[in-house]
Amino acid sequence: MAKLEDVLKANGYSDADIEAMGPMLADQKFRGSMEAHFSRLEAERDDYKGKYETYENWRETVANPHIAQQERIAAEARIDAAKAREEAKIARELGLFPKDDDTKKPPADLSVSGAFNPKDHKLVTEDDLAKGYARFSDLEGDAIASVGDLLEEYRYLSGGKSLIEYVDPTTGKKGLTALREEAKKRNMHVGDLVAQKFDFEGKRRAVSEAAQKAHDDKIRAEERAAMATQYGNPMLRTPSPSRQAFIPPKTETGGKFPWEQLPQERRNARLERAMKSQFTGQPN
């Protein structure tokens, strides 16, 4: 039986990649299902190899001798045809054939046309097997990579959880085994089913929004830190009396604020400003 680590290495995974997948590979149910799948594929491959060997034996013992025999027959037929044409030519020159027979000409060529084509006999060729095995290996690698990506994306979007925690309530099966059976019943790709069932789209959006918020918060924090460095943090300054709590009083009031003046003083000040504005033409 093929070991899962050997299959991963054969498809380009490094030791570090395999070590990172340790929790997943440690799950015996997942490992067993994957290794059983690979074993079935290896059995199919061996079956194809056996069929190819059977075909090779048939080709060597039956097909090739038959083809050689037919080629000998064709060669002898060509020789006989050439002899017949020469004999007919001599007979014609001797006047042994009627003139109306001149229109009856022998076939230009009696040779066998075309080569032996295995497809005409529905036979599997060596090229067919090589292409099939290459295609099978490619699909096998794609499947392994897709499973790894699916498990890692679920882990990333669910905050580190493992897909093996999922249990189908109707069958009791767990993880990808249960999800793959459900996908086959619904005629869906297992990746599409998992993305739909666990709302990958919504979780991707939430992760993106959280990352954007963290980015914005970082920028604001950096801006506040820069302002505090340049101007000082107003929340950390020592309190002190205001140096200019109010508008300075005008000199014409004698250095008094309006509420410090007597009513008569305020009235005289208003009259004085009005008369000054009247005579000078300037607003007070």
Protein backbone atom coordinates (compact mmCIF):
# COMPACT_ATOMS: atom_id res chain seq x y z
CA MET A 1 0.00 0.00 0.00
CA ALA A 2 1.27 3.45 -0.93
CA LYS A 3 2.20 5.68 2.02
CA LEU A 4 0.68 9.15 1.92
CA GLU A 5 4.05 10.83 2.60
CA ASP A 6 5.62 9.03 -0.39
CA VAL A 7 2.77 10.14 -2.65
CA LEU A 8 3.14 13.75 -1.47
CA LYS A 9 6.91 13.70 -2.08
CA ALA A 10 6.38 12.23 -5.54
CA ASN A 11 4.13 15.21 -6.33
CA GLY A 12 6.58 17.92 -5.26
CA TYR A 13 5.91 18.35 -1.52
CA SER A 14 9.01 19.03 0.55
CA ASP A 15 9.76 17.60 3.99
CA ALA A 16 8.85 20.99 5.50
CA ASP A 17 5.48 20.95 3.72
CA ILE A 18 4.77 17.44 4.93
CA GLU A 19 5.81 18.35 8.49
CA ALA A 20 3.41 21.35 8.40
CA MET A 21 0.62 18.94 7.47
CA GLY A 22 1.43 16.78 10.48
CA PRO A 23 -1.92 17.18 12.33
CA MET A 24 -3.81 16.25 9.17
CA LEU A 25 -1.54 13.28 8.38
CA ALA A 26 -1.79 12.07 11.96
CA ASP A 27 -5.54 11.51 11.57
CA GLN A 28 -5.77 7.77 10.89
CA LYS A 29 -9.19 7.92 9.28
CA PHE A 30 -8.08 10.57 6.79
CA ARG A 31 -4.78 8.74 6.16
CA GLY A 32 -6.57 5.43 5.72
CA SER A 33 -9.10 6.81 3.26
CA MET A 34 -6.42 8.55 1.16
CA GLU A 35 -4.03 5.56 1.17
CA ALA A 36 -6.89 3.22 0.26
CA HIS A 37 -7.75 5.52 -2.62
CA PHE A 38 -4.15 5.53 -3.84
CA SER A 39 -4.01 1.74 -3.47
CA ARG A 40 -7.07 1.43 -5.70
CA LEU A 41 -5.40 3.69 -8.25
CA GLU A 42 -2.24 1.58 -8.10
CA ALA A 43 -4.34 -1.54 -8.61
CA GLU A 44 -5.93 0.03 -11.68
CA ARG A 45 -2.49 0.99 -12.94
CA ASP A 46 -1.24 -2.56 -12.44
CA ASP A 47 -4.32 -3.85 -14.25
CA TYR A 48 -3.52 -1.59 -17.21
CA LYS A 49 0.07 -2.82 -17.12
CA GLY A 50 -1.18 -6.42 -17.21
CA LYS A 51 -3.44 -5.64 -20.16
CA TYR A 52 -0.52 -3.98 -21.91
CA GLU A 53 1.67 -7.02 -21.36
CA THR A 54 -1.13 -9.24 -22.71
CA TYR A 55 -1.37 -7.01 -25.75
CA GLU A 56 2.39 -7.09 -26.25
CA ASN A 57 2.37 -10.88 -26.09
CA TRP A 58 -0.51 -11.03 -28.61
CA ARG A 59 1.26 -8.54 -30.86
CA GLU A 60 4.45 -10.61 -30.88
CA THR A 61 2.88 -14.05 -31.18
CA VAL A 62 -0.21 -13.36 -33.30
CA ALA A 63 -0.38 -9.92 -34.88
CA ASN A 64 3.19 -9.56 -36.16
CA PRO A 65 3.32 -13.06 -37.72
CA HIS A 66 -0.05 -12.48 -39.34
CA ILE A 67 1.08 -9.11 -40.71
CA ALA A 68 4.31 -10.67 -42.02
CA GLN A 69 2.32 -13.43 -43.70
CA GLN A 70 -0.02 -10.91 -45.35
CA GLU A 71 2.94 -8.86 -46.54
CA ARG A 72 4.47 -11.99 -48.14
CA ILE A 73 1.16 -12.76 -49.83
CA ALA A 74 0.94 -9.15 -51.07
CA ALA A 75 4.53 -9.30 -52.39
CA GLU A 76 3.82 -12.57 -54.19
CA ALA A 77 0.64 -11.09 -55.62
CA ARG A 78 2.58 -8.09 -56.94
CA ILE A 79 5.11 -10.45 -58.59
CA ASP A 80 2.32 -12.52 -60.13
CA ALA A 81 0.58 -9.37 -61.36
CA ALA A 82 3.79 -8.12 -62.96
CA LYS A 83 4.27 -11.48 -64.70
CA ALA A 84 0.68 -11.39 -65.93
CA ARG A 85 1.09 -7.91 -67.30
CA GLU A 86 4.26 -8.92 -69.16
CA GLU A 87 2.59 -12.04 -70.58
CA ALA A 88 -0.43 -9.98 -71.65
CA LYS A 89 1.84 -7.45 -73.31
CA ILE A 90 3.66 -10.18 -75.30
CA ALA A 91 0.36 -11.80 -76.28
CA ARG A 92 -0.97 -8.44 -77.42
CA GLU A 93 2.17 -7.81 -79.48
CA LEU A 94 1.75 -11.24 -81.11
CA GLY A 95 -1.87 -10.41 -81.97
CA LEU A 96 -3.30 -13.13 -79.78
CA PHE A 97 -5.78 -10.73 -78.08
CA PRO A 98 -8.74 -9.19 -79.97
CA LYS A 99 -8.50 -5.44 -80.44
CA ASP A 100 -11.56 -4.70 -78.25
CA ASP A 101 -9.70 -6.25 -75.33
CA ASP A 102 -7.23 -3.35 -75.45
CA THR A 103 -9.71 -1.28 -73.45
CA LYS A 104 -9.60 -3.80 -70.63
CA LYS A 105 -6.60 -2.84 -68.60
CA PRO A 106 -5.43 -4.61 -65.47
CA PRO A 107 -5.41 -2.77 -62.16
CA ALA A 108 -2.59 -0.28 -61.94
CA ASP A 109 -1.44 -1.62 -58.59
CA LEU A 110 -2.53 -4.66 -56.64
CA SER A 111 -0.42 -3.83 -53.58
CA VAL A 112 -1.98 -3.61 -50.13
CA SER A 113 -2.70 0.03 -49.32
CA GLY A 114 -2.15 1.47 -45.86
CA ALA A 115 -0.41 0.12 -42.74
CA PHE A 116 -1.80 -1.95 -39.89
CA ASN A 117 -3.83 0.30 -37.56
CA PRO A 118 -4.52 -1.06 -34.05
CA LYS A 119 -7.45 1.33 -33.70
CA ASP A 120 -9.26 -0.57 -36.45
CA HIS A 121 -9.22 -3.60 -34.13
CA LYS A 122 -9.94 -1.62 -30.93
CA LEU A 123 -6.50 -2.42 -29.53
CA VAL A 124 -4.72 -0.42 -26.80
CA THR A 125 -1.30 0.77 -27.90
CA GLU A 126 1.81 1.58 -25.87
CA ASP A 127 1.27 5.28 -26.57
CA ASP A 128 -2.29 5.04 -25.22
CA LEU A 129 -1.02 3.50 -21.99
CA ALA A 130 1.76 6.08 -21.59
CA LYS A 131 -0.65 8.97 -22.16
CA GLY A 132 -3.22 7.46 -19.81
CA TYR A 133 -0.67 6.93 -17.04
CA ALA A 134 0.69 10.50 -17.45
CA ARG A 135 -2.85 11.88 -17.31
CA PHE A 136 -3.64 9.76 -14.28
CA SER A 137 -0.51 10.98 -12.44
CA ASP A 138 -1.36 14.58 -13.28
CA LEU A 139 -4.93 14.23 -11.98
CA GLU A 140 -3.62 12.48 -8.86
CA GLY A 141 -1.30 15.41 -8.13
CA ASP A 142 -4.09 17.95 -8.73
CA ALA A 143 -6.38 16.06 -6.35
CA ILE A 144 -3.77 16.00 -3.57
CA ALA A 145 -3.04 19.72 -3.99
CA SER A 146 -6.76 20.58 -3.99
CA VAL A 147 -7.36 18.59 -0.79
CA GLY A 148 -4.43 20.32 0.93
CA ASP A 149 -5.61 23.78 -0.16
CA LEU A 150 -9.17 23.06 0.96
CA LEU A 151 -8.10 21.89 4.42
CA GLU A 152 -5.72 24.81 4.91
CA GLU A 153 -8.29 27.40 3.80
CA TYR A 154 -10.88 25.94 6.18
CA ARG A 155 -8.31 26.07 8.98
CA TYR A 156 -7.41 29.69 8.12
CA LEU A 157 -11.02 30.92 7.86
CA SER A 158 -12.27 29.05 10.93
CA GLY A 159 -9.56 30.28 13.31
CA GLY A 160 -7.43 27.14 13.37
CA LYS A 161 -10.14 24.47 13.48
CA SER A 162 -9.78 21.17 11.65
CA LEU A 163 -12.30 19.90 9.11
CA ILE A 164 -12.18 16.49 10.82
CA GLU A 165 -14.38 18.04 13.54
CA TYR A 166 -17.32 18.05 11.13
CA VAL A 167 -19.67 15.08 11.62
CA ASP A 168 -22.55 14.20 9.28
CA PRO A 169 -25.55 13.76 11.62
CA THR A 170 -27.25 11.29 9.24
CA THR A 171 -24.33 8.89 8.70
CA GLY A 172 -21.98 9.67 11.58
CA LYS A 173 -19.05 9.97 9.18
CA LYS A 174 -16.47 12.70 9.70
CA GLY A 175 -14.42 15.22 7.76
CA LEU A 176 -13.83 15.01 4.04
CA THR A 177 -15.18 11.45 3.88
CA ALA A 178 -18.65 12.64 4.95
CA LEU A 179 -18.47 15.78 2.82
CA ARG A 180 -17.37 13.87 -0.30
CA GLU A 181 -20.31 11.47 0.03
CA GLU A 182 -22.69 14.40 0.43
CA ALA A 183 -21.15 16.13 -2.59
CA LYS A 184 -21.61 13.00 -4.74
CA LYS A 185 -25.27 12.75 -3.68
CA ARG A 186 -25.81 16.40 -4.61
CA ASN A 187 -23.76 16.07 -7.82
CA MET A 188 -21.35 18.81 -6.66
CA HIS A 189 -17.59 19.22 -6.45
CA VAL A 190 -16.53 18.64 -2.84
CA GLY A 191 -14.66 21.99 -2.78
CA ASP A 192 -17.81 23.87 -3.85
CA LEU A 193 -19.87 22.04 -1.21
CA VAL A 194 -17.43 22.87 1.60
CA ALA A 195 -17.23 26.54 0.54
CA GLN A 196 -21.03 26.76 0.49
CA LYS A 197 -21.67 24.82 3.70
CA PHE A 198 -19.15 26.77 5.79
CA ASP A 199 -19.73 30.20 4.14
CA PHE A 200 -16.21 30.70 2.81
CA GLU A 201 -17.31 33.85 0.97
CA GLY A 202 -18.63 35.53 4.12
CA LYS A 203 -15.60 34.47 6.16
CA ARG A 204 -13.21 35.75 3.49
CA ARG A 205 -15.04 39.09 3.58
CA ALA A 206 -14.85 39.22 7.40
CA VAL A 207 -11.12 38.44 7.32
CA SER A 208 -10.58 41.17 4.71
CA GLU A 209 -12.56 43.72 6.74
CA ALA A 210 -10.68 42.82 9.93
CA ALA A 211 -7.36 43.22 8.13
CA GLN A 212 -8.44 46.61 6.76
CA LYS A 213 -9.57 47.77 10.24
CA ALA A 214 -6.26 46.65 11.76
CA HIS A 215 -4.43 48.56 9.02
CA ASP A 216 -6.50 51.72 9.62
CA ASP A 217 -6.08 51.48 13.42
CA LYS A 218 -2.33 51.13 12.99
CA ILE A 219 -2.17 54.25 10.81
CA ARG A 220 -4.22 56.26 13.36
CA ALA A 221 -2.03 55.06 16.22
CA GLU A 222 1.11 56.04 14.29
CA GLU A 223 -0.37 59.48 13.54
CA ARG A 224 -1.24 60.05 17.23
CA ALA A 225 2.23 58.95 18.27
CA ALA A 226 3.79 61.35 15.75
CA MET A 227 1.63 64.26 16.98
CA ALA A 228 2.49 63.45 20.59
CA THR A 229 6.19 63.38 19.74
CA GLN A 230 6.01 66.74 17.93
CA TYR A 231 3.61 68.69 20.13
CA GLY A 232 3.40 66.66 23.32
CA ASN A 233 0.46 64.67 24.54
CA PRO A 234 -2.19 67.13 25.86
CA MET A 235 -3.49 64.41 28.18
CA LEU A 236 -0.09 64.19 29.91
CA ARG A 237 0.69 67.92 30.29
CA THR A 238 0.79 69.55 33.73
CA PRO A 239 -2.31 71.78 34.19
CA SER A 240 -1.61 75.58 34.35
CA PRO A 241 -3.74 78.73 34.50
CA SER A 242 -4.81 80.23 31.23
CA ARG A 243 -2.58 83.09 30.12
CA GLN A 244 -5.46 84.87 28.35
CA ALA A 245 -8.74 83.67 29.74
CA PHE A 246 -10.68 86.69 28.44
CA ILE A 247 -10.39 89.50 25.92
CA PRO A 248 -8.06 92.18 27.36
CA PRO A 249 -10.03 95.26 28.51
CA LYS A 250 -9.82 98.42 26.42
CA THR A 251 -7.66 101.26 27.66
CA GLU A 252 -10.52 103.76 27.55
CA THR A 253 -12.30 101.84 30.28
CA GLY A 254 -9.45 102.41 32.64
CA GLY A 255 -8.28 98.84 32.45
CA LYS A 256 -11.57 97.52 33.75
CA PHE A 257 -13.69 94.73 32.34
CA PRO A 258 -17.29 95.63 31.50
CA TRP A 259 -18.66 93.93 34.59
CA GLU A 260 -16.21 95.81 36.76
CA GLN A 261 -17.55 99.21 35.64
CA LEU A 262 -20.40 101.16 37.21
CA PRO A 263 -23.54 101.69 35.11
CA GLN A 264 -22.72 105.43 34.76
CA GLU A 265 -19.21 104.59 33.57
CA ARG A 266 -20.54 102.24 30.92
CA ARG A 267 -23.06 104.91 29.79
CA ASN A 268 -20.36 107.58 29.52
CA ALA A 269 -18.14 105.20 27.59
CA ARG A 270 -20.92 104.52 25.07
CA LEU A 271 -21.62 108.27 24.61
CA GLU A 272 -17.96 108.98 24.15
CA ARG A 273 -17.63 106.29 21.45
CA ALA A 274 -20.74 107.58 19.68
CA MET A 275 -19.53 111.19 19.61
CA LYS A 276 -16.07 110.11 18.43
CA SER A 277 -17.60 108.13 15.60
CA GLN A 278 -19.85 111.07 14.67
CA PHE A 279 -16.98 113.60 14.43
CA THR A 280 -14.35 111.33 12.83
CA GLY A 281 -16.61 109.34 10.56
CA GLN A 282 -14.94 106.12 11.69
CA PRO A 283 -16.75 103.28 13.36
CA ASN A 284 -15.97 102.83 16.99
